[in-house]
Amino acid sequence: MFNINLLAADEGLNGSLAQIVEKLKGLMDSFWLYIVIALAAVVVIWGAYIGIKIAIAHRNEEKINARDMVKNLIIGIVIIFVVAMGAPLLINGLSAWVSA
């Protein structure tokens, strides 16, 4: 009797997880384009700001700071790319894990 209740609770949990994963997939699909556009806009605006800082830098300290900002921008772009590519893969992995 106890095993039947445990099995029923396990199936209910899997059903709930499947619903959550489906809702996450739907949410990512509906907002994916807007997220990419927003991140691209931030990168472009920040890149333009850094370009202006480099163009008006006269002292060596300002030039070094501007070069560090460029390095940080490139690192940020790589991190954004990894997270943007990893999130759908993580959700698909969750979906496969729940359905298995």
PDB file of N, CA and C in Angstrom:
ATOM      1  N   MET A   1       0.819  -1.187   0.000  1.00  0.00           N
ATOM      2  CA  MET A   1       0.000   0.000   0.000  1.00  0.00           C
ATOM      3  C   MET A   1       0.869   1.259   0.000  1.00  0.00           C
ATOM      4  N   PHE A   2       1.924   1.232   0.801  1.00  0.00           N
ATOM      5  CA  PHE A   2       2.815   2.384   0.877  1.00  0.00           C
ATOM      6  C   PHE A   2       3.507   2.634  -0.457  1.00  0.00           C
ATOM      7  N   ASN A   3       3.913   1.584  -1.139  1.00  0.00           N
ATOM      8  CA  ASN A   3       4.599   1.733  -2.416  1.00  0.00           C
ATOM      9  C   ASN A   3       3.686   2.326  -3.478  1.00  0.00           C
ATOM     10  N   ILE A   4       2.405   1.989  -3.441  1.00  0.00           N
ATOM     11  CA  ILE A   4       1.458   2.553  -4.415  1.00  0.00           C
ATOM     12  C   ILE A   4       1.322   4.056  -4.190  1.00  0.00           C
ATOM     13  N   ASN A   5       1.228   4.492  -2.948  1.00  0.00           N
ATOM     14  CA  ASN A   5       1.135   5.920  -2.648  1.00  0.00           C
ATOM     15  C   ASN A   5       2.406   6.647  -3.046  1.00  0.00           C
ATOM     16  N   LEU A   6       3.553   6.019  -2.806  1.00  0.00           N
ATOM     17  CA  LEU A   6       4.826   6.618  -3.183  1.00  0.00           C
ATOM     18  C   LEU A   6       4.933   6.746  -4.695  1.00  0.00           C
ATOM     19  N   LEU A   7       4.478   5.724  -5.413  1.00  0.00           N
ATOM     20  CA  LEU A   7       4.491   5.756  -6.876  1.00  0.00           C
ATOM     21  C   LEU A   7       3.567   6.849  -7.399  1.00  0.00           C
ATOM     22  N   ALA A   8       2.407   6.993  -6.812  1.00  0.00           N
ATOM     23  CA  ALA A   8       1.463   8.037  -7.229  1.00  0.00           C
ATOM     24  C   ALA A   8       2.039   9.422  -6.958  1.00  0.00           C
ATOM     25  N   ALA A   9       2.711   9.591  -5.836  1.00  0.00           N
ATOM     26  CA  ALA A   9       3.335  10.882  -5.520  1.00  0.00           C
ATOM     27  C   ALA A   9       4.460  11.176  -6.491  1.00  0.00           C
ATOM     28  N   ASP A  10       5.220  10.138  -6.874  1.00  0.00           N
ATOM     29  CA  ASP A  10       6.318  10.314  -7.825  1.00  0.00           C
ATOM     30  C   ASP A  10       5.780  10.719  -9.198  1.00  0.00           C
ATOM     31  N   GLU A  11       4.698  10.106  -9.637  1.00  0.00           N
ATOM     32  CA  GLU A  11       4.098  10.472 -10.924  1.00  0.00           C
ATOM     33  C   GLU A  11       3.547  11.888 -10.885  1.00  0.00           C
ATOM     34  N   GLY A  12       2.980  12.293  -9.764  1.00  0.00           N
ATOM     35  CA  GLY A  12       2.488  13.660  -9.626  1.00  0.00           C
ATOM     36  C   GLY A  12       3.622  14.663  -9.679  1.00  0.00           C
ATOM     37  N   LEU A  13       4.750  14.316  -9.060  1.00  0.00           N
ATOM     38  CA  LEU A  13       5.920  15.198  -9.085  1.00  0.00           C
ATOM     39  C   LEU A  13       6.473  15.322 -10.495  1.00  0.00           C
ATOM     40  N   ASN A  14       6.558  14.205 -11.206  1.00  0.00           N
ATOM     41  CA  ASN A  14       7.049  14.250 -12.586  1.00  0.00           C
ATOM     42  C   ASN A  14       6.115  15.063 -13.472  1.00  0.00           C
ATOM     43  N   GLY A  15       4.818  14.926 -13.242  1.00  0.00           N
ATOM     44  CA  GLY A  15       3.851  15.717 -14.001  1.00  0.00           C
ATOM     45  C   GLY A  15       4.008  17.199 -13.739  1.00  0.00           C
ATOM     46  N   SER A  16       4.235  17.549 -12.463  1.00  0.00           N
ATOM     47  CA  SER A  16       4.433  18.957 -12.112  1.00  0.00           C
ATOM     48  C   SER A  16       5.711  19.493 -12.724  1.00  0.00           C
ATOM     49  N   LEU A  17       6.779  18.696 -12.659  1.00  0.00           N
ATOM     50  CA  LEU A  17       8.041  19.121 -13.261  1.00  0.00           C
ATOM     51  C   LEU A  17       7.899  19.286 -14.767  1.00  0.00           C
ATOM     52  N   ALA A  18       7.181  18.381 -15.396  1.00  0.00           N
ATOM     53  CA  ALA A  18       6.976  18.478 -16.843  1.00  0.00           C
ATOM     54  C   ALA A  18       6.216  19.750 -17.192  1.00  0.00           C
ATOM     55  N   GLN A  19       5.226  20.102 -16.384  1.00  0.00           N
ATOM     56  CA  GLN A  19       4.473  21.335 -16.635  1.00  0.00           C
ATOM     57  C   GLN A  19       5.370  22.563 -16.464  1.00  0.00           C
ATOM     58  N   ILE A  20       6.207  22.552 -15.445  1.00  0.00           N
ATOM     59  CA  ILE A  20       7.106  23.682 -15.210  1.00  0.00           C
ATOM     60  C   ILE A  20       8.089  23.835 -16.362  1.00  0.00           C
ATOM     61  N   VAL A  21       8.649  22.707 -16.824  1.00  0.00           N
ATOM     62  CA  VAL A  21       9.605  22.756 -17.924  1.00  0.00           C
ATOM     63  C   VAL A  21       8.919  23.245 -19.195  1.00  0.00           C
ATOM     64  N   GLU A  22       7.709  22.797 -19.458  1.00  0.00           N
ATOM     65  CA  GLU A  22       6.977  23.262 -20.639  1.00  0.00           C
ATOM     66  C   GLU A  22       6.697  24.753 -20.565  1.00  0.00           C
ATOM     67  N   LYS A  23       6.345  25.237 -19.384  1.00  0.00           N
ATOM     68  CA  LYS A  23       6.103  26.677 -19.228  1.00  0.00           C
ATOM     69  C   LYS A  23       7.394  27.469 -19.422  1.00  0.00           C
ATOM     70  N   LEU A  24       8.525  26.939 -18.917  1.00  0.00           N
ATOM     71  CA  LEU A  24       9.813  27.605 -19.130  1.00  0.00           C
ATOM     72  C   LEU A  24      10.170  27.643 -20.609  1.00  0.00           C
ATOM     73  N   LYS A  25       9.933  26.542 -21.304  1.00  0.00           N
ATOM     74  CA  LYS A  25      10.223  26.506 -22.738  1.00  0.00           C
ATOM     75  C   LYS A  25       9.353  27.515 -23.484  1.00  0.00           C
ATOM     76  N   GLY A  26       8.090  27.590 -23.135  1.00  0.00           N
ATOM     77  CA  GLY A  26       7.198  28.558 -23.770  1.00  0.00           C
ATOM     78  C   GLY A  26       7.619  29.988 -23.494  1.00  0.00           C
ATOM     79  N   LEU A  27       8.029  30.241 -22.249  1.00  0.00           N
ATOM     80  CA  LEU A  27       8.482  31.579 -21.877  1.00  0.00           C
ATOM     81  C   LEU A  27       9.739  31.965 -22.639  1.00  0.00           C
ATOM     82  N   MET A  28      10.702  31.045 -22.724  1.00  0.00           N
ATOM     83  CA  MET A  28      11.934  31.325 -23.465  1.00  0.00           C
ATOM     84  C   MET A  28      11.645  31.538 -24.943  1.00  0.00           C
ATOM     85  N   ASP A  29      10.752  30.740 -25.507  1.00  0.00           N
ATOM     86  CA  ASP A  29      10.425  30.896 -26.922  1.00  0.00           C
ATOM     87  C   ASP A  29       9.757  32.234 -27.202  1.00  0.00           C
ATOM     88  N   SER A  30       8.897  32.681 -26.295  1.00  0.00           N
ATOM     89  CA  SER A  30       8.184  33.929 -26.537  1.00  0.00           C
ATOM     90  C   SER A  30       9.061  35.165 -26.336  1.00  0.00           C
ATOM     91  N   PHE A  31      10.042  35.095 -25.433  1.00  0.00           N
ATOM     92  CA  PHE A  31      10.862  36.260 -25.140  1.00  0.00           C
ATOM     93  C   PHE A  31      12.258  36.206 -25.745  1.00  0.00           C
ATOM     94  N   TRP A  32      12.610  35.125 -26.423  1.00  0.00           N
ATOM     95  CA  TRP A  32      13.979  34.939 -26.915  1.00  0.00           C
ATOM     96  C   TRP A  32      14.424  36.085 -27.814  1.00  0.00           C
ATOM     97  N   LEU A  33      13.593  36.470 -28.776  1.00  0.00           N
ATOM     98  CA  LEU A  33      13.951  37.537 -29.708  1.00  0.00           C
ATOM     99  C   LEU A  33      14.178  38.855 -28.970  1.00  0.00           C
ATOM    100  N   TYR A  34      13.321  39.168 -28.012  1.00  0.00           N
ATOM    101  CA  TYR A  34      13.443  40.422 -27.275  1.00  0.00           C
ATOM    102  C   TYR A  34      14.689  40.433 -26.388  1.00  0.00           C
ATOM    103  N   ILE A  35      15.022  39.287 -25.821  1.00  0.00           N
ATOM    104  CA  ILE A  35      16.227  39.192 -24.998  1.00  0.00           C
ATOM    105  C   ILE A  35      17.464  39.432 -25.850  1.00  0.00           C
ATOM    106  N   VAL A  36      17.509  38.816 -27.026  1.00  0.00           N
ATOM    107  CA  VAL A  36      18.656  38.980 -27.922  1.00  0.00           C
ATOM    108  C   VAL A  36      18.772  40.427 -28.386  1.00  0.00           C
ATOM    109  N   ILE A  37      17.667  41.052 -28.728  1.00  0.00           N
ATOM    110  CA  ILE A  37      17.683  42.448 -29.172  1.00  0.00           C
ATOM    111  C   ILE A  37      18.157  43.362 -28.039  1.00  0.00           C
ATOM    112  N   ALA A  38      17.672  43.125 -26.832  1.00  0.00           N
ATOM    113  CA  ALA A  38      18.084  43.957 -25.697  1.00  0.00           C
ATOM    114  C   ALA A  38      19.573  43.801 -25.411  1.00  0.00           C
ATOM    115  N   LEU A  39      20.063  42.586 -25.427  1.00  0.00           N
ATOM    116  CA  LEU A  39      21.488  42.374 -25.174  1.00  0.00           C
ATOM    117  C   LEU A  39      22.341  42.979 -26.281  1.00  0.00           C
ATOM    118  N   ALA A  40      21.892  42.864 -27.524  1.00  0.00           N
ATOM    119  CA  ALA A  40      22.639  43.471 -28.630  1.00  0.00           C
ATOM    120  C   ALA A  40      22.664  44.994 -28.492  1.00  0.00           C
ATOM    121  N   ALA A  41      21.542  45.573 -28.078  1.00  0.00           N
ATOM    122  CA  ALA A  41      21.492  47.026 -27.899  1.00  0.00           C
ATOM    123  C   ALA A  41      22.445  47.473 -26.792  1.00  0.00           C
ATOM    124  N   VAL A  42      22.496  46.728 -25.699  1.00  0.00           N
ATOM    125  CA  VAL A  42      23.406  47.072 -24.604  1.00  0.00           C
ATOM    126  C   VAL A  42      24.853  46.994 -25.075  1.00  0.00           C
ATOM    127  N   VAL A  43      25.181  45.948 -25.830  1.00  0.00           N
ATOM    128  CA  VAL A  43      26.552  45.802 -26.334  1.00  0.00           C
ATOM    129  C   VAL A  43      26.901  46.950 -27.273  1.00  0.00           C
ATOM    130  N   VAL A  44      25.991  47.327 -28.151  1.00  0.00           N
ATOM    131  CA  VAL A  44      26.263  48.410 -29.104  1.00  0.00           C
ATOM    132  C   VAL A  44      26.431  49.739 -28.373  1.00  0.00           C
ATOM    133  N   ILE A  45      25.551  50.027 -27.441  1.00  0.00           N
ATOM    134  CA  ILE A  45      25.630  51.296 -26.709  1.00  0.00           C
ATOM    135  C   ILE A  45      26.897  51.352 -25.869  1.00  0.00           C
ATOM    136  N   TRP A  46      27.202  50.253 -25.166  1.00  0.00           N
ATOM    137  CA  TRP A  46      28.417  50.238 -24.349  1.00  0.00           C
ATOM    138  C   TRP A  46      29.662  50.306 -25.228  1.00  0.00           C
ATOM    139  N   GLY A  47      29.639  49.636 -26.378  1.00  0.00           N
ATOM    140  CA  GLY A  47      30.765  49.707 -27.313  1.00  0.00           C
ATOM    141  C   GLY A  47      30.981  51.114 -27.841  1.00  0.00           C
ATOM    142  N   ALA A  48      29.883  51.812 -28.135  1.00  0.00           N
ATOM    143  CA  ALA A  48      30.004  53.200 -28.594  1.00  0.00           C
ATOM    144  C   ALA A  48      30.575  54.089 -27.491  1.00  0.00           C
ATOM    145  N   TYR A  49      30.138  53.869 -26.264  1.00  0.00           N
ATOM    146  CA  TYR A  49      30.654  54.638 -25.127  1.00  0.00           C
ATOM    147  C   TYR A  49      32.160  54.417 -24.965  1.00  0.00           C
ATOM    148  N   ILE A  50      32.571  53.155 -25.066  1.00  0.00           N
ATOM    149  CA  ILE A  50      33.995  52.848 -24.945  1.00  0.00           C
ATOM    150  C   ILE A  50      34.781  53.456 -26.110  1.00  0.00           C
ATOM    151  N   GLY A  51      34.215  53.414 -27.306  1.00  0.00           N
ATOM    152  CA  GLY A  51      34.872  54.027 -28.466  1.00  0.00           C
ATOM    153  C   GLY A  51      35.080  55.518 -28.283  1.00  0.00           C
ATOM    154  N   ILE A  52      34.093  56.173 -27.716  1.00  0.00           N
ATOM    155  CA  ILE A  52      34.222  57.604 -27.448  1.00  0.00           C
ATOM    156  C   ILE A  52      35.290  57.852 -26.389  1.00  0.00           C
ATOM    157  N   LYS A  53      35.302  56.999 -25.354  1.00  0.00           N
ATOM    158  CA  LYS A  53      36.329  57.144 -24.309  1.00  0.00           C
ATOM    159  C   LYS A  53      37.730  56.984 -24.904  1.00  0.00           C
ATOM    160  N   ILE A  54      37.907  56.037 -25.825  1.00  0.00           N
ATOM    161  CA  ILE A  54      39.212  55.838 -26.458  1.00  0.00           C
ATOM    162  C   ILE A  54      39.566  57.037 -27.333  1.00  0.00           C
ATOM    163  N   ALA A  55      38.593  57.564 -28.043  1.00  0.00           N
ATOM    164  CA  ALA A  55      38.852  58.677 -28.963  1.00  0.00           C
ATOM    165  C   ALA A  55      39.249  59.953 -28.228  1.00  0.00           C
ATOM    166  N   ILE A  56      38.683  60.178 -27.046  1.00  0.00           N
ATOM    167  CA  ILE A  56      38.988  61.426 -26.342  1.00  0.00           C
ATOM    168  C   ILE A  56      40.087  61.264 -25.291  1.00  0.00           C
ATOM    169  N   ALA A  57      40.621  60.055 -25.172  1.00  0.00           N
ATOM    170  CA  ALA A  57      41.679  59.819 -24.177  1.00  0.00           C
ATOM    171  C   ALA A  57      42.967  60.507 -24.622  1.00  0.00           C
ATOM    172  N   HIS A  58      43.501  61.356 -23.749  1.00  0.00           N
ATOM    173  CA  HIS A  58      44.735  62.071 -24.060  1.00  0.00           C
ATOM    174  C   HIS A  58      45.900  61.581 -23.214  1.00  0.00           C
ATOM    175  N   ARG A  59      45.620  61.259 -21.974  1.00  0.00           N
ATOM    176  CA  ARG A  59      46.692  60.797 -21.096  1.00  0.00           C
ATOM    177  C   ARG A  59      46.816  59.285 -21.164  1.00  0.00           C
ATOM    178  N   ASN A  60      47.971  58.786 -20.807  1.00  0.00           N
ATOM    179  CA  ASN A  60      48.203  57.340 -20.830  1.00  0.00           C
ATOM    180  C   ASN A  60      47.280  56.590 -19.874  1.00  0.00           C
ATOM    181  N   GLU A  61      46.996  57.185 -18.719  1.00  0.00           N
ATOM    182  CA  GLU A  61      46.102  56.536 -17.760  1.00  0.00           C
ATOM    183  C   GLU A  61      44.715  56.335 -18.363  1.00  0.00           C
ATOM    184  N   GLU A  62      44.227  57.350 -19.059  1.00  0.00           N
ATOM    185  CA  GLU A  62      42.906  57.239 -19.686  1.00  0.00           C
ATOM    186  C   GLU A  62      42.913  56.180 -20.778  1.00  0.00           C
ATOM    187  N   LYS A  63      43.999  56.105 -21.542  1.00  0.00           N
ATOM    188  CA  LYS A  63      44.095  55.100 -22.601  1.00  0.00           C
ATOM    189  C   LYS A  63      44.140  53.690 -22.019  1.00  0.00           C
ATOM    190  N   ILE A  64      44.874  53.527 -20.919  1.00  0.00           N
ATOM    191  CA  ILE A  64      44.947  52.211 -20.272  1.00  0.00           C
ATOM    192  C   ILE A  64      43.582  51.816 -19.731  1.00  0.00           C
ATOM    193  N   ASN A  65      42.868  52.752 -19.116  1.00  0.00           N
ATOM    194  CA  ASN A  65      41.523  52.470 -18.612  1.00  0.00           C
ATOM    195  C   ASN A  65      40.573  52.109 -19.754  1.00  0.00           C
ATOM    196  N   ALA A  66      40.696  52.807 -20.871  1.00  0.00           N
ATOM    197  CA  ALA A  66      39.837  52.527 -22.021  1.00  0.00           C
ATOM    198  C   ALA A  66      40.140  51.132 -22.583  1.00  0.00           C
ATOM    199  N   ARG A  67      41.418  50.755 -22.626  1.00  0.00           N
ATOM    200  CA  ARG A  67      41.777  49.406 -23.114  1.00  0.00           C
ATOM    201  C   ARG A  67      41.235  48.335 -22.174  1.00  0.00           C
ATOM    202  N   ASP A  68      41.278  48.597 -20.866  1.00  0.00           N
ATOM    203  CA  ASP A  68      40.704  47.650 -19.907  1.00  0.00           C
ATOM    204  C   ASP A  68      39.195  47.526 -20.102  1.00  0.00           C
ATOM    205  N   MET A  69      38.550  48.640 -20.429  1.00  0.00           N
ATOM    206  CA  MET A  69      37.111  48.598 -20.683  1.00  0.00           C
ATOM    207  C   MET A  69      36.803  47.760 -21.925  1.00  0.00           C
ATOM    208  N   VAL A  70      37.667  47.843 -22.943  1.00  0.00           N
ATOM    209  CA  VAL A  70      37.475  47.023 -24.144  1.00  0.00           C
ATOM    210  C   VAL A  70      37.615  45.547 -23.796  1.00  0.00           C
ATOM    211  N   LYS A  71      38.610  45.208 -22.993  1.00  0.00           N
ATOM    212  CA  LYS A  71      38.786  43.816 -22.562  1.00  0.00           C
ATOM    213  C   LYS A  71      37.556  43.336 -21.802  1.00  0.00           C
ATOM    214  N   ASN A  72      37.054  44.163 -20.893  1.00  0.00           N
ATOM    215  CA  ASN A  72      35.865  43.794 -20.122  1.00  0.00           C
ATOM    216  C   ASN A  72      34.640  43.640 -21.018  1.00  0.00           C
ATOM    217  N   LEU A  73      34.539  44.485 -22.043  1.00  0.00           N
ATOM    218  CA  LEU A  73      33.429  44.371 -22.985  1.00  0.00           C
ATOM    219  C   LEU A  73      33.487  43.039 -23.727  1.00  0.00           C
ATOM    220  N   ILE A  74      34.664  42.658 -24.176  1.00  0.00           N
ATOM    221  CA  ILE A  74      34.812  41.389 -24.896  1.00  0.00           C
ATOM    222  C   ILE A  74      34.491  40.212 -23.975  1.00  0.00           C
ATOM    223  N   ILE A  75      34.966  40.260 -22.739  1.00  0.00           N
ATOM    224  CA  ILE A  75      34.654  39.199 -21.780  1.00  0.00           C
ATOM    225  C   ILE A  75      33.150  39.145 -21.526  1.00  0.00           C
ATOM    226  N   GLY A  76      32.518  40.295 -21.398  1.00  0.00           N
ATOM    227  CA  GLY A  76      31.072  40.346 -21.193  1.00  0.00           C
ATOM    228  C   GLY A  76      30.298  39.771 -22.366  1.00  0.00           C
ATOM    229  N   ILE A  77      30.747  40.064 -23.586  1.00  0.00           N
ATOM    230  CA  ILE A  77      30.082  39.520 -24.773  1.00  0.00           C
ATOM    231  C   ILE A  77      30.198  37.997 -24.783  1.00  0.00           C
ATOM    232  N   VAL A  78      31.367  37.484 -24.439  1.00  0.00           N
ATOM    233  CA  VAL A  78      31.551  36.026 -24.401  1.00  0.00           C
ATOM    234  C   VAL A  78      30.641  35.399 -23.343  1.00  0.00           C
ATOM    235  N   ILE A  79      30.564  36.008 -22.171  1.00  0.00           N
ATOM    236  CA  ILE A  79      29.702  35.473 -21.108  1.00  0.00           C
ATOM    237  C   ILE A  79      28.243  35.513 -21.524  1.00  0.00           C
ATOM    238  N   ILE A  80      27.808  36.616 -22.127  1.00  0.00           N
ATOM    239  CA  ILE A  80      26.424  36.724 -22.598  1.00  0.00           C
ATOM    240  C   ILE A  80      26.145  35.650 -23.635  1.00  0.00           C
ATOM    241  N   PHE A  81      27.074  35.422 -24.542  1.00  0.00           N
ATOM    242  CA  PHE A  81      26.891  34.409 -25.578  1.00  0.00           C
ATOM    243  C   PHE A  81      26.774  33.016 -24.961  1.00  0.00           C
ATOM    244  N   VAL A  82      27.639  32.714 -24.004  1.00  0.00           N
ATOM    245  CA  VAL A  82      27.604  31.396 -23.369  1.00  0.00           C
ATOM    246  C   VAL A  82      26.290  31.190 -22.616  1.00  0.00           C
ATOM    247  N   VAL A  83      25.846  32.198 -21.883  1.00  0.00           N
ATOM    248  CA  VAL A  83      24.587  32.074 -21.147  1.00  0.00           C
ATOM    249  C   VAL A  83      23.408  31.982 -22.112  1.00  0.00           C
ATOM    250  N   ALA A  84      23.434  32.777 -23.172  1.00  0.00           N
ATOM    251  CA  ALA A  84      22.328  32.756 -24.136  1.00  0.00           C
ATOM    252  C   ALA A  84      22.246  31.419 -24.861  1.00  0.00           C
ATOM    253  N   MET A  85      23.370  30.795 -25.124  1.00  0.00           N
ATOM    254  CA  MET A  85      23.353  29.488 -25.778  1.00  0.00           C
ATOM    255  C   MET A  85      23.103  28.367 -24.778  1.00  0.00           C
ATOM    256  N   GLY A  86      23.505  28.560 -23.536  1.00  0.00           N
ATOM    257  CA  GLY A  86      23.372  27.514 -22.534  1.00  0.00           C
ATOM    258  C   GLY A  86      21.980  27.397 -21.939  1.00  0.00           C
ATOM    259  N   ALA A  87      21.240  28.496 -21.855  1.00  0.00           N
ATOM    260  CA  ALA A  87      19.915  28.457 -21.234  1.00  0.00           C
ATOM    261  C   ALA A  87      18.949  27.536 -21.986  1.00  0.00           C
ATOM    262  N   PRO A  88      18.814  27.654 -23.308  1.00  0.00           N
ATOM    263  CA  PRO A  88      17.917  26.713 -23.997  1.00  0.00           C
ATOM    264  C   PRO A  88      18.387  25.263 -23.897  1.00  0.00           C
ATOM    265  N   LEU A  89      19.690  25.046 -23.918  1.00  0.00           N
ATOM    266  CA  LEU A  89      20.201  23.684 -23.778  1.00  0.00           C
ATOM    267  C   LEU A  89      19.877  23.127 -22.396  1.00  0.00           C
ATOM    268  N   LEU A  90      19.975  23.969 -21.375  1.00  0.00           N
ATOM    269  CA  LEU A  90      19.639  23.546 -20.026  1.00  0.00           C
ATOM    270  C   LEU A  90      18.157  23.201 -19.915  1.00  0.00           C
ATOM    271  N   ILE A  91      17.311  24.010 -20.510  1.00  0.00           N
ATOM    272  CA  ILE A  91      15.872  23.744 -20.464  1.00  0.00           C
ATOM    273  C   ILE A  91      15.536  22.469 -21.228  1.00  0.00           C
ATOM    274  N   ASN A  92      16.163  22.267 -22.384  1.00  0.00           N
ATOM    275  CA  ASN A  92      15.935  21.026 -23.128  1.00  0.00           C
ATOM    276  C   ASN A  92      16.447  19.812 -22.359  1.00  0.00           C
ATOM    277  N   GLY A  93      17.566  19.952 -21.675  1.00  0.00           N
ATOM    278  CA  GLY A  93      18.075  18.874 -20.836  1.00  0.00           C
ATOM    279  C   GLY A  93      17.141  18.558 -19.694  1.00  0.00           C
ATOM    280  N   LEU A  94      16.570  19.602 -19.070  1.00  0.00           N
ATOM    281  CA  LEU A  94      15.579  19.395 -18.030  1.00  0.00           C
ATOM    282  C   LEU A  94      14.367  18.659 -18.567  1.00  0.00           C
ATOM    283  N   SER A  95      13.950  19.055 -19.750  1.00  0.00           N
ATOM    284  CA  SER A  95      12.795  18.411 -20.377  1.00  0.00           C
ATOM    285  C   SER A  95      13.067  16.933 -20.642  1.00  0.00           C
ATOM    286  N   ALA A  96      14.252  16.615 -21.135  1.00  0.00           N
ATOM    287  CA  ALA A  96      14.598  15.216 -21.401  1.00  0.00           C
ATOM    288  C   ALA A  96      14.727  14.445 -20.092  1.00  0.00           C
ATOM    289  N   TRP A  97      15.249  15.081 -19.069  1.00  0.00           N
ATOM    290  CA  TRP A  97      15.411  14.423 -17.780  1.00  0.00           C
ATOM    291  C   TRP A  97      14.058  14.111 -17.146  1.00  0.00           C
ATOM    292  N   VAL A  98      13.119  15.057 -17.249  1.00  0.00           N
ATOM    293  CA  VAL A  98      11.796  14.860 -16.664  1.00  0.00           C
ATOM    294  C   VAL A  98      11.030  13.784 -17.427  1.00  0.00           C
ATOM    295  N   SER A  99      11.150  13.794 -18.745  1.00  0.00           N
ATOM    296  CA  SER A  99      10.377  12.826 -19.530  1.00  0.00           C
ATOM    297  C   SER A  99      10.984  11.430 -19.504  1.00  0.00           C
ATOM    298  N   ALA A 100      12.224  11.286 -19.025  1.00  0.00           N
ATOM    299  CA  ALA A 100      12.861   9.949 -18.988  1.00  0.00           C
ATOM    300  C   ALA A 100      12.342   9.110 -17.849  1.00  0.00           C
TER     301      ALA A 100
END
